[in-house]
């Protein structure tokens, strides 16, 4: 089981829905449940594999508009580098962004770096 460390207060469902609306997407339910309590947080278990390459998840982006890693601001800063349908929600230890990719399935996004 993953435990999370965060200094953020719980985010409201309305705030999460505002981001969905801004991007015209639907987040996975388990993501919404996680970021409600742990947005901006770091996981206790951070390892994951991408195409047989070991990566380390650093943190979830924040849903707090006052934070520098606020999810919509990060997207705004990266937008010119991203293909349509890709939206960041976290980053790894090397400052690569972990993103949802909605191009192939608007209901079940893939996770990409």
C-alpha atoms as a PDB file:
ATOM      1  CA  UNK A   1       0.000   0.000   0.000  1.00  0.00           C
ATOM      2  CA  UNK A   2       1.240   3.454  -0.866  1.00  0.00           C
ATOM      3  CA  UNK A   3       1.221   6.118   1.804  1.00  0.00           C
ATOM      4  CA  UNK A   4       1.463   9.779   0.893  1.00  0.00           C
ATOM      5  CA  UNK A   5       3.117  12.758   2.565  1.00  0.00           C
ATOM      6  CA  UNK A   6       1.662  16.180   1.855  1.00  0.00           C
ATOM      7  CA  UNK A   7       1.340  19.512   3.603  1.00  0.00           C
ATOM      8  CA  UNK A   8      -1.704  20.468   1.515  1.00  0.00           C
ATOM      9  CA  UNK A   9      -5.242  20.618   2.863  1.00  0.00           C
ATOM     10  CA  UNK A  10      -7.861  18.419   1.214  1.00  0.00           C
ATOM     11  CA  UNK A  11      -9.064  19.805  -2.081  1.00  0.00           C
ATOM     12  CA  UNK A  12     -12.754  20.067  -2.837  1.00  0.00           C
ATOM     13  CA  UNK A  13     -14.438  18.013  -5.522  1.00  0.00           C
ATOM     14  CA  UNK A  14     -15.483  21.305  -7.117  1.00  0.00           C
ATOM     15  CA  UNK A  15     -11.828  22.328  -7.555  1.00  0.00           C
ATOM     16  CA  UNK A  16     -10.990  19.010  -9.235  1.00  0.00           C
ATOM     17  CA  UNK A  17     -14.050  19.320 -11.489  1.00  0.00           C
ATOM     18  CA  UNK A  18     -12.903  22.826 -12.485  1.00  0.00           C
ATOM     19  CA  UNK A  19      -9.648  21.341 -13.821  1.00  0.00           C
ATOM     20  CA  UNK A  20     -11.574  18.613 -15.653  1.00  0.00           C
ATOM     21  CA  UNK A  21     -13.742  21.301 -17.219  1.00  0.00           C
ATOM     22  CA  UNK A  22     -10.743  23.430 -18.209  1.00  0.00           C
ATOM     23  CA  UNK A  23      -9.217  20.456 -20.023  1.00  0.00           C
ATOM     24  CA  UNK A  24     -12.542  18.927 -21.150  1.00  0.00           C
ATOM     25  CA  UNK A  25     -11.612  15.519 -19.676  1.00  0.00           C
ATOM     26  CA  UNK A  26     -12.838  13.099 -17.028  1.00  0.00           C
ATOM     27  CA  UNK A  27     -10.241  12.010 -14.497  1.00  0.00           C
ATOM     28  CA  UNK A  28     -10.155   8.377 -13.376  1.00  0.00           C
ATOM     29  CA  UNK A  29     -12.104   7.896 -10.123  1.00  0.00           C
ATOM     30  CA  UNK A  30      -9.089   6.497  -8.252  1.00  0.00           C
ATOM     31  CA  UNK A  31      -7.035   9.548  -9.258  1.00  0.00           C
ATOM     32  CA  UNK A  32      -9.761  11.874  -7.983  1.00  0.00           C
ATOM     33  CA  UNK A  33      -9.949   9.989  -4.682  1.00  0.00           C
ATOM     34  CA  UNK A  34      -6.169  10.183  -4.311  1.00  0.00           C
ATOM     35  CA  UNK A  35      -5.683  13.875  -5.161  1.00  0.00           C
ATOM     36  CA  UNK A  36      -8.575  14.933  -2.956  1.00  0.00           C
ATOM     37  CA  UNK A  37      -6.407  14.077   0.045  1.00  0.00           C
ATOM     38  CA  UNK A  38      -2.862  13.960  -1.306  1.00  0.00           C
ATOM     39  CA  UNK A  39      -2.456  16.544  -4.100  1.00  0.00           C
ATOM     40  CA  UNK A  40       1.042  18.002  -4.021  1.00  0.00           C
ATOM     41  CA  UNK A  41       2.154  14.931  -2.092  1.00  0.00           C
ATOM     42  CA  UNK A  42       4.995  12.464  -2.375  1.00  0.00           C
ATOM     43  CA  UNK A  43       4.433   8.687  -2.286  1.00  0.00           C
ATOM     44  CA  UNK A  44       6.277   6.329   0.050  1.00  0.00           C
ATOM     45  CA  UNK A  45       6.807   3.852  -2.797  1.00  0.00           C
ATOM     46  CA  UNK A  46       8.019   5.807  -5.787  1.00  0.00           C
ATOM     47  CA  UNK A  47       9.306   3.241  -8.287  1.00  0.00           C
ATOM     48  CA  UNK A  48       7.541   2.443 -11.552  1.00  0.00           C
ATOM     49  CA  UNK A  49       8.566   1.120 -14.968  1.00  0.00           C
ATOM     50  CA  UNK A  50       8.144   2.725 -18.370  1.00  0.00           C
ATOM     51  CA  UNK A  51       9.115   0.471 -21.288  1.00  0.00           C
ATOM     52  CA  UNK A  52      11.391  -1.574 -19.021  1.00  0.00           C
ATOM     53  CA  UNK A  53      13.054   1.588 -17.679  1.00  0.00           C
ATOM     54  CA  UNK A  54      12.952   2.160 -13.912  1.00  0.00           C
ATOM     55  CA  UNK A  55      11.547   5.575 -12.957  1.00  0.00           C
ATOM     56  CA  UNK A  56      10.867   7.293  -9.644  1.00  0.00           C
ATOM     57  CA  UNK A  57       7.645   9.231  -9.100  1.00  0.00           C
ATOM     58  CA  UNK A  58       8.403  12.427  -7.186  1.00  0.00           C
ATOM     59  CA  UNK A  59       5.087  14.168  -6.535  1.00  0.00           C
ATOM     60  CA  UNK A  60       1.514  14.804  -7.571  1.00  0.00           C
ATOM     61  CA  UNK A  61       0.874  18.282  -8.908  1.00  0.00           C
ATOM     62  CA  UNK A  62      -1.078  20.571  -6.607  1.00  0.00           C
ATOM     63  CA  UNK A  63      -4.682  21.684  -6.967  1.00  0.00           C
ATOM     64  CA  UNK A  64      -3.870  24.739  -4.814  1.00  0.00           C
ATOM     65  CA  UNK A  65      -3.816  27.815  -7.087  1.00  0.00           C
ATOM     66  CA  UNK A  66      -1.297  29.542  -4.824  1.00  0.00           C
ATOM     67  CA  UNK A  67       1.388  26.869  -5.298  1.00  0.00           C
ATOM     68  CA  UNK A  68       4.036  27.045  -8.028  1.00  0.00           C
ATOM     69  CA  UNK A  69       3.215  23.442  -9.002  1.00  0.00           C
ATOM     70  CA  UNK A  70      -0.509  24.203  -9.449  1.00  0.00           C
ATOM     71  CA  UNK A  71      -1.724  21.742 -12.069  1.00  0.00           C
ATOM     72  CA  UNK A  72      -3.202  24.305 -14.486  1.00  0.00           C
ATOM     73  CA  UNK A  73      -0.124  26.553 -14.301  1.00  0.00           C
ATOM     74  CA  UNK A  74       2.185  23.613 -14.997  1.00  0.00           C
ATOM     75  CA  UNK A  75       0.028  22.697 -18.000  1.00  0.00           C
ATOM     76  CA  UNK A  76       0.084  26.295 -19.215  1.00  0.00           C
ATOM     77  CA  UNK A  77       3.894  26.346 -18.999  1.00  0.00           C
ATOM     78  CA  UNK A  78       4.206  23.020 -20.872  1.00  0.00           C
ATOM     79  CA  UNK A  79       1.347  23.372 -23.347  1.00  0.00           C
ATOM     80  CA  UNK A  80       3.541  24.340 -26.280  1.00  0.00           C
ATOM     81  CA  UNK A  81       5.601  21.153 -25.765  1.00  0.00           C
ATOM     82  CA  UNK A  82       2.650  18.777 -25.434  1.00  0.00           C
ATOM     83  CA  UNK A  83       0.547  17.032 -28.027  1.00  0.00           C
ATOM     84  CA  UNK A  84      -3.213  17.662 -27.756  1.00  0.00           C
ATOM     85  CA  UNK A  85      -4.865  15.283 -25.303  1.00  0.00           C
ATOM     86  CA  UNK A  86      -1.900  15.012 -22.914  1.00  0.00           C
ATOM     87  CA  UNK A  87      -2.168  16.570 -19.456  1.00  0.00           C
ATOM     88  CA  UNK A  88       0.412  16.524 -16.618  1.00  0.00           C
ATOM     89  CA  UNK A  89      -0.577  15.358 -13.126  1.00  0.00           C
ATOM     90  CA  UNK A  90       2.794  14.654 -11.496  1.00  0.00           C
ATOM     91  CA  UNK A  91       6.508  14.532 -12.029  1.00  0.00           C
ATOM     92  CA  UNK A  92       9.367  12.148 -11.513  1.00  0.00           C
ATOM     93  CA  UNK A  93      12.642  12.631  -9.700  1.00  0.00           C
ATOM     94  CA  UNK A  94      14.307  13.860 -12.944  1.00  0.00           C
ATOM     95  CA  UNK A  95      11.603  16.552 -13.398  1.00  0.00           C
ATOM     96  CA  UNK A  96       9.913  14.722 -16.268  1.00  0.00           C
ATOM     97  CA  UNK A  97       6.172  15.148 -16.172  1.00  0.00           C
ATOM     98  CA  UNK A  98       3.894  12.174 -15.662  1.00  0.00           C
ATOM     99  CA  UNK A  99       0.788  12.746 -17.775  1.00  0.00           C
ATOM    100  CA  UNK A 100      -2.606  11.377 -18.673  1.00  0.00           C
ATOM    101  CA  UNK A 101      -2.924  10.678 -22.396  1.00  0.00           C
ATOM    102  CA  UNK A 102      -6.534  10.924 -23.573  1.00  0.00           C
ATOM    103  CA  UNK A 103      -5.960  10.681 -27.354  1.00  0.00           C
ATOM    104  CA  UNK A 104      -6.823   7.001 -27.735  1.00  0.00           C
ATOM    105  CA  UNK A 105      -9.521   6.727 -25.048  1.00  0.00           C
ATOM    106  CA  UNK A 106     -11.354   9.654 -23.477  1.00  0.00           C
ATOM    107  CA  UNK A 107     -12.741   7.457 -20.669  1.00  0.00           C
ATOM    108  CA  UNK A 108      -9.576   5.560 -19.688  1.00  0.00           C
ATOM    109  CA  UNK A 109      -6.430   7.613 -20.206  1.00  0.00           C
ATOM    110  CA  UNK A 110      -3.006   6.047 -20.488  1.00  0.00           C
ATOM    111  CA  UNK A 111      -0.186   7.272 -18.270  1.00  0.00           C
ATOM    112  CA  UNK A 112       2.848   8.606 -20.162  1.00  0.00           C
ATOM    113  CA  UNK A 113       6.084  10.484 -19.432  1.00  0.00           C
END
